[in-house]
Protein backbone atom coordinates (compact mmCIF):
# COMPACT_ATOMS: atom_id res chain seq x y z
CA MET A 1 0.03 0.25 -0.26
CA SER A 2 1.91 3.10 -1.43
CA LYS A 3 -0.50 5.79 -1.63
CA LYS A 4 -0.35 8.43 0.88
CA ILE A 5 -3.21 8.19 3.10
CA LYS A 6 -5.21 11.80 3.20
CA LYS A 7 -8.70 10.65 4.38
CA ILE A 8 -9.71 7.21 6.50
CA GLY A 9 -13.50 6.41 6.46
CA VAL A 10 -14.84 4.94 10.02
CA LEU A 11 -18.10 2.76 10.24
CA THR A 12 -20.10 0.38 12.63
CA SER A 13 -21.24 -2.64 11.64
CA GLY A 14 -23.47 -5.91 13.02
CA GLY A 15 -24.54 -5.46 16.64
CA ASP A 16 -24.33 -2.64 18.63
CA SER A 17 -21.69 -3.01 22.10
CA PRO A 18 -21.30 -0.05 24.46
CA GLY A 19 -17.58 1.17 23.80
CA MET A 20 -17.79 1.78 20.07
CA ASN A 21 -19.16 5.67 20.91
CA ALA A 22 -15.34 5.89 22.33
CA ALA A 23 -13.71 4.02 19.36
CA ILE A 24 -15.12 6.45 16.87
CA ARG A 25 -14.31 9.25 19.13
CA SER A 26 -10.63 7.91 19.19
CA VAL A 27 -10.31 7.54 15.75
CA VAL A 28 -11.92 10.90 14.53
CA ARG A 29 -9.75 12.64 16.86
CA THR A 30 -6.30 10.45 15.92
CA CYS A 31 -6.94 11.61 12.17
CA ALA A 32 -7.29 15.66 13.58
CA PHE A 33 -4.21 15.60 15.18
CA HIS A 34 -2.40 13.74 12.22
CA GLU A 35 -3.83 16.33 10.59
CA ILE A 36 -5.93 13.82 8.36
CA GLU A 37 -9.67 14.21 7.47
CA CYS A 38 -12.43 11.47 9.29
CA ILE A 39 -15.23 10.80 7.12
CA GLY A 40 -18.15 8.90 9.35
CA VAL A 41 -20.23 6.33 7.54
CA TYR A 42 -23.81 5.99 8.48
CA ARG A 43 -25.11 2.42 9.10
CA GLY A 44 -22.41 0.45 8.75
CA PHE A 45 -22.07 -1.80 4.95
CA GLU A 46 -25.85 0.20 4.14
CA GLY A 47 -24.59 3.22 4.29
CA LEU A 48 -21.29 2.47 2.87
CA ILE A 49 -23.78 1.57 -0.48
CA GLU A 50 -25.66 4.53 -0.41
CA GLY A 51 -22.90 7.52 0.22
CA ASP A 52 -24.77 8.39 3.40
CA PHE A 53 -21.45 9.80 4.65
CA LYS A 54 -20.95 13.04 7.20
CA ILE A 55 -17.28 14.89 7.80
CA LEU A 56 -16.45 14.37 11.45
CA SER A 57 -14.22 16.62 13.46
CA ALA A 58 -12.89 16.57 16.93
CA ARG A 59 -15.54 18.71 18.19
CA SER A 60 -18.29 16.37 16.36
CA VAL A 61 -17.35 13.91 18.78
CA ASN A 62 -17.79 15.75 22.03
CA ASN A 63 -19.56 14.02 24.87
CA ILE A 64 -19.99 10.56 23.41
CA ILE A 65 -17.01 8.68 25.10
CA HIS A 66 -19.64 7.83 27.57
CA SER A 67 -22.16 6.87 25.54
CA GLY A 68 -23.74 3.13 24.59
CA GLY A 69 -24.53 2.34 21.23
CA THR A 70 -23.11 3.87 18.05
CA MET A 71 -23.68 7.15 16.81
CA LEU A 72 -22.68 6.08 13.30
CA LYS A 73 -26.10 3.40 13.48
CA SER A 74 -25.77 0.02 12.26
CA ALA A 75 -27.06 -2.02 9.98
CA ARG A 76 -26.58 -5.58 8.28
CA SER A 77 -26.75 -5.21 4.41
CA LYS A 78 -27.77 -8.45 2.06
CA GLU A 79 -26.28 -6.02 -0.43
CA PHE A 80 -23.08 -5.49 0.17
CA MET A 81 -22.96 -9.76 0.41
CA THR A 82 -23.18 -9.09 -3.56
CA LYS A 83 -20.37 -8.01 -6.19
CA GLU A 84 -22.68 -5.45 -7.31
CA GLY A 85 -22.77 -4.39 -3.82
CA ARG A 86 -19.92 -3.97 -3.00
CA GLN A 87 -18.92 -2.39 -6.61
CA LYS A 88 -21.43 0.09 -5.65
CA ALA A 89 -19.41 0.79 -1.83
CA PHE A 90 -16.37 1.22 -3.53
CA LEU A 91 -17.69 3.60 -6.04
CA GLN A 92 -18.85 5.80 -3.45
CA LEU A 93 -15.81 5.62 -1.52
CA LYS A 94 -13.90 7.26 -4.56
CA SER A 95 -16.16 9.85 -5.37
CA VAL A 96 -15.53 11.45 -2.17
CA GLY A 97 -11.67 10.70 -2.12
CA ILE A 98 -11.82 8.60 1.00
CA ASP A 99 -8.37 6.28 1.06
CA ALA A 100 -9.00 3.52 3.91
CA LEU A 101 -11.51 2.31 6.27
CA VAL A 102 -11.42 1.62 10.12
CA LEU A 103 -14.37 -1.26 10.38
CA ILE A 104 -15.58 -1.63 14.06
CA GLY A 105 -17.28 -4.51 14.64
CA GLY A 106 -17.27 -8.60 14.74
CA ASP A 107 -16.28 -11.37 12.24
CA GLY A 108 -19.01 -10.69 9.78
CA THR A 109 -17.79 -7.26 9.95
CA PHE A 110 -14.42 -8.27 9.52
CA THR A 111 -15.45 -10.98 6.82
CA GLY A 112 -16.96 -8.22 4.88
CA GLY A 113 -13.79 -6.01 5.17
CA LEU A 114 -11.61 -8.95 4.03
CA VAL A 115 -14.12 -9.91 0.79
CA PHE A 116 -13.91 -5.52 0.10
CA ASN A 117 -9.94 -5.91 0.59
CA GLU A 118 -9.50 -8.70 -1.95
CA GLU A 119 -11.71 -7.29 -4.91
CA PHE A 120 -10.54 -3.54 -4.71
CA ASN A 121 -7.25 -3.59 -2.65
CA PHE A 122 -8.66 -1.02 -0.56
CA PRO A 123 -6.98 -0.47 2.85
CA ILE A 124 -8.99 -1.73 5.69
CA ILE A 125 -8.08 -1.98 9.94
CA GLY A 126 -10.42 -3.51 12.05
CA ILE A 127 -11.04 -3.06 15.76
CA PRO A 128 -13.41 -5.68 17.77
CA GLY A 129 -16.40 -4.44 18.81
CA THR A 130 -19.03 -7.28 19.89
CA ILE A 131 -19.73 -7.92 23.78
CA ASP A 132 -19.45 -11.95 23.21
CA ASN A 133 -15.63 -11.65 23.68
CA ASP A 134 -15.45 -14.55 20.72
CA ILE A 135 -12.86 -12.97 18.46
CA PHE A 136 -8.83 -14.53 18.08
CA GLY A 137 -6.15 -12.58 18.38
CA THR A 138 -7.41 -10.51 21.70
CA ASN A 139 -8.00 -10.98 25.18
CA TYR A 140 -11.09 -8.34 25.27
CA THR A 141 -13.61 -6.86 22.78
CA LEU A 142 -14.76 -3.71 23.39
CA GLY A 143 -18.03 -4.16 25.47
CA PHE A 144 -17.44 -7.23 26.92
CA ASP A 145 -16.50 -6.04 30.27
CA THR A 146 -19.39 -3.34 30.55
CA ALA A 147 -21.83 -6.50 29.12
CA LEU A 148 -20.14 -8.45 32.69
CA ASN A 149 -20.77 -5.51 34.65
CA THR A 150 -24.15 -5.33 33.66
CA VAL A 151 -25.26 -9.08 33.94
CA VAL A 152 -23.53 -9.32 37.56
CA GLU A 153 -25.37 -6.19 38.95
CA VAL A 154 -28.87 -8.19 37.49
CA ILE A 155 -27.68 -11.12 39.03
CA ASP A 156 -27.13 -9.28 42.47
CA LYS A 157 -30.67 -7.57 42.22
CA ILE A 158 -31.86 -11.44 41.52
CA ARG A 159 -30.09 -12.91 43.99
CA ASP A 160 -32.11 -11.10 46.56
CA THR A 161 -35.32 -12.06 45.34
CA ALA A 162 -34.26 -15.53 44.86
CA SER A 163 -33.06 -15.60 48.30
CA SER A 164 -36.66 -14.35 49.74
CA HIS A 165 -38.19 -16.91 48.44
CA LYS A 166 -36.64 -19.59 48.43
CA ARG A 167 -36.27 -19.89 45.03
CA LEU A 168 -33.88 -21.60 42.01
CA PHE A 169 -33.81 -19.03 39.44
CA PHE A 170 -32.19 -20.15 35.54
CA VAL A 171 -30.94 -16.59 33.94
CA GLU A 172 -29.86 -16.46 30.71
CA VAL A 173 -27.08 -14.31 28.95
CA MET A 174 -25.88 -13.97 25.55
CA GLY A 175 -23.61 -16.71 24.06
CA ARG A 176 -24.66 -18.25 21.03
CA ASP A 177 -21.39 -19.97 20.15
CA VAL A 178 -19.40 -19.20 23.68
CA GLY A 179 -19.87 -19.08 27.20
CA HIS A 180 -17.40 -15.81 28.00
CA ILE A 181 -20.21 -14.02 29.42
CA ALA A 182 -21.53 -16.30 31.17
CA LEU A 183 -18.22 -17.93 32.80
CA ASN A 184 -17.12 -14.79 34.22
CA ALA A 185 -20.13 -13.14 34.76
CA GLY A 186 -20.96 -16.39 36.88
CA VAL A 187 -17.79 -16.73 38.93
CA GLY A 188 -18.29 -12.75 39.63
CA ALA A 189 -22.00 -13.22 40.84
CA GLY A 190 -21.23 -16.54 43.16
CA ALA A 191 -23.80 -18.26 41.01
CA GLU A 192 -24.17 -22.11 41.98
CA GLU A 193 -24.03 -23.26 38.75
CA ILE A 194 -23.19 -21.94 35.20
CA LEU A 195 -23.47 -23.51 31.75
CA ILE A 196 -21.79 -23.14 28.64
CA PRO A 197 -21.76 -24.37 25.19
CA GLU A 198 -18.00 -25.45 25.65
CA GLU A 199 -18.89 -28.05 28.54
CA ASP A 200 -21.99 -30.38 28.08
CA LEU A 201 -22.37 -30.61 31.71
CA GLY A 202 -25.43 -32.55 31.32
CA LEU A 203 -28.85 -32.38 32.59
CA ASP A 204 -27.90 -35.69 35.30
CA ARG A 205 -24.79 -33.86 36.72
CA LEU A 206 -27.29 -30.18 37.07
CA LEU A 207 -29.14 -32.30 39.02
CA GLU A 208 -26.59 -33.79 41.15
CA SER A 209 -25.33 -29.88 41.53
CA LEU A 210 -28.48 -28.75 42.99
CA ARG A 211 -29.28 -31.62 45.10
CA ARG A 212 -25.67 -31.13 46.81
CA SER A 213 -26.47 -27.31 47.13
CA LYS A 214 -30.05 -28.02 48.44
CA LYS A 215 -28.30 -30.95 50.84
CA SER A 216 -25.41 -28.06 51.80
CA GLY A 217 -28.09 -26.30 53.22
CA LYS A 218 -28.77 -23.66 50.51
CA SER A 219 -32.05 -22.70 50.48
CA SER A 220 -31.92 -20.88 46.87
CA SER A 221 -30.04 -21.06 43.59
CA ILE A 222 -28.82 -19.23 40.72
CA VAL A 223 -27.69 -21.50 37.41
CA VAL A 224 -26.24 -18.92 34.77
CA VAL A 225 -27.08 -20.39 31.39
CA ALA A 226 -25.07 -18.96 28.30
CA GLU A 227 -28.02 -19.14 25.09
CA GLY A 228 -25.90 -21.31 23.16
CA ASP A 229 -26.06 -24.42 25.92
CA LYS A 230 -26.70 -27.49 24.68
CA ILE A 231 -28.13 -29.49 27.67
CA GLY A 232 -31.78 -28.44 26.47
CA LYS A 233 -33.51 -26.61 23.82
CA ASN A 234 -33.86 -23.90 25.55
CA VAL A 235 -33.48 -22.16 29.45
CA PHE A 236 -37.56 -23.08 29.61
CA GLU A 237 -37.47 -26.88 28.86
CA LEU A 238 -34.51 -26.65 31.90
CA LYS A 239 -36.71 -24.95 34.02
CA ASP A 240 -39.69 -27.94 33.06
CA TYR A 241 -37.21 -30.51 34.03
CA VAL A 242 -35.50 -29.45 36.92
CA GLU A 243 -39.35 -28.52 38.47
CA GLU A 244 -40.24 -32.52 37.25
CA ASN A 245 -37.48 -33.98 38.92
CA MET A 246 -36.86 -31.64 41.95
CA GLU A 247 -40.38 -30.50 43.53
CA GLU A 248 -38.88 -29.09 46.39
CA TYR A 249 -37.84 -26.10 44.31
CA ASP A 250 -39.57 -23.08 43.17
CA VAL A 251 -38.17 -22.38 39.65
CA ARG A 252 -37.87 -18.96 37.69
CA VAL A 253 -36.39 -17.80 34.70
CA SER A 254 -35.03 -14.45 33.50
CA VAL A 255 -33.98 -13.73 30.44
CA LEU A 256 -31.01 -11.26 30.10
CA GLY A 257 -31.77 -10.49 26.29
CA HIS A 258 -30.19 -7.14 24.80
CA MET A 259 -29.63 -4.93 28.16
CA GLN A 260 -26.36 -6.47 28.06
CA ARG A 261 -25.84 -5.01 25.05
CA GLY A 262 -26.54 -1.35 26.40
CA GLY A 263 -25.64 1.41 28.95
CA SER A 264 -22.49 3.36 29.58
CA PRO A 265 -19.49 1.85 29.26
CA SER A 266 -16.57 0.93 31.66
CA CYS A 267 -13.68 2.71 32.52
CA PHE A 268 -12.04 -0.28 31.21
CA ASP A 269 -14.05 -0.37 27.78
CA ARG A 270 -13.42 3.57 27.24
CA VAL A 271 -9.57 2.99 27.87
CA LEU A 272 -9.51 -0.09 25.77
CA ALA A 273 -11.41 1.70 22.52
CA SER A 274 -9.21 4.96 23.38
CA ARG A 275 -6.18 2.68 22.63
CA MET A 276 -7.17 0.77 19.65
CA GLY A 277 -8.83 3.64 18.17
CA VAL A 278 -5.20 5.29 18.16
CA LYS A 279 -3.90 2.23 16.95
CA ALA A 280 -6.22 1.60 13.98
CA VAL A 281 -5.35 4.81 12.82
CA GLU A 282 -1.71 4.90 12.94
CA THR A 283 -1.17 1.37 11.75
CA LEU A 284 -2.86 2.95 8.68
CA LEU A 285 -0.70 5.68 8.19
CA GLU A 286 2.25 3.37 8.46
CA GLY A 287 1.07 1.62 5.16
CA LYS A 288 -0.04 -1.09 6.65
CA SER A 289 -3.37 -3.12 6.14
CA ASN A 290 -5.99 -6.33 7.00
CA TYR A 291 -5.17 -6.28 10.26
CA MET A 292 -7.18 -6.32 13.47
CA VAL A 293 -6.06 -4.08 16.56
CA GLY A 294 -6.22 -6.12 19.74
CA ILE A 295 -4.80 -6.41 23.04
CA LEU A 296 -2.58 -9.18 24.50
CA ASP A 297 -1.02 -9.06 27.54
CA ASN A 298 -2.22 -5.37 27.90
CA LYS A 299 0.00 -4.29 25.03
CA ILE A 300 -2.02 -3.10 21.51
CA GLU A 301 -1.26 -5.72 19.02
CA LEU A 302 -1.97 -6.20 15.65
CA THR A 303 -3.71 -9.78 14.29
CA PRO A 304 -3.84 -10.71 10.07
CA LEU A 305 -7.62 -10.04 9.65
CA ASP A 306 -8.04 -13.64 8.05
CA LYS A 307 -6.84 -15.07 11.48
CA ALA A 308 -9.18 -12.86 13.51
CA VAL A 309 -12.04 -14.41 11.54
CA LYS A 310 -10.89 -17.92 10.98
CA GLY A 311 -9.34 -17.85 14.68
CA LYS A 312 -11.60 -19.67 17.80
CA THR A 313 -11.33 -18.36 20.96
CA GLU A 314 -10.70 -20.72 23.64
CA ILE A 315 -12.63 -21.21 27.31
CA ASN A 316 -10.83 -20.12 29.92
CA LYS A 317 -9.92 -23.63 31.74
CA GLU A 318 -8.71 -22.04 34.72
CA LEU A 319 -11.74 -19.87 35.59
CA LEU A 320 -13.27 -23.32 35.02
CA ARG A 321 -11.70 -24.88 37.51
CA VAL A 322 -12.26 -22.29 40.00
CA SER A 323 -16.13 -22.04 39.39
CA ASP A 324 -15.93 -25.57 40.24
CA ILE A 325 -14.38 -24.94 43.49
CA MET A 326 -16.17 -21.91 44.43
CA THR A 327 -19.61 -24.25 43.71
CA THR A 328 -18.32 -26.67 46.38
């Protein structure tokens, strides 16, 4: 990539996550610091195709670091999945002189960016924004820490009710393919059991665990369930099974849903977003492309975008062991 970068576009795509606005702010202000023009692309790849652009100055991102969601909005684009759609996007970028793109999102966003780069040799840098923490090449994705804090706060409140009424609560959290939120929040909230896609606990062992808790003197229990857990078809099936086999329990279900995505980002996510935004812009200015910015061992590092997309994150085995010990 020999062409000098004079104008950088930034967009958010896929599911929103706390910290996206802080990352946008960082990209815009890093561009301003290096005297590079920054263009905001509204509504993700859909806005890219339609040319929904706006010049962003350092002052235009005032007072957004603390806001959840994304000021640039987000949308999923079926048209961008076609060669014709990507051609339209490329022509829109060239028409306003955008030389490179910073993409804030998850693996779907990065996959689209990779294809776009392959077809048009267009410089791309990714910033991982997803609460699931399921992107290879970074210890933490933007929004994960905030989502954990939200889940733990809610479980703390649910426990008050569970204790008052001697109830068992199944609390379903996000995590269709990975259990990072469930495992970390479960340990942090002192859950009696944690069910995640990576570990097939099985119905019999679940009942055994609940009976052990009951025998130890616990009159109420919290079970954190990742939405992708494989034990039952869904969390309500688990509820029915436990009620049929443990009549002494009054069982309730709480599905936290999209509240986990919202809210003001934690200090950790704000700082991480700021660091990643600076690295993303400066990586492009160094003439590099097709990388994702991540944090590894508290250092901001680059991972090839294809590896970030194809790689798989692993569940923390040490934390699983801690979980088993804590539920004794």
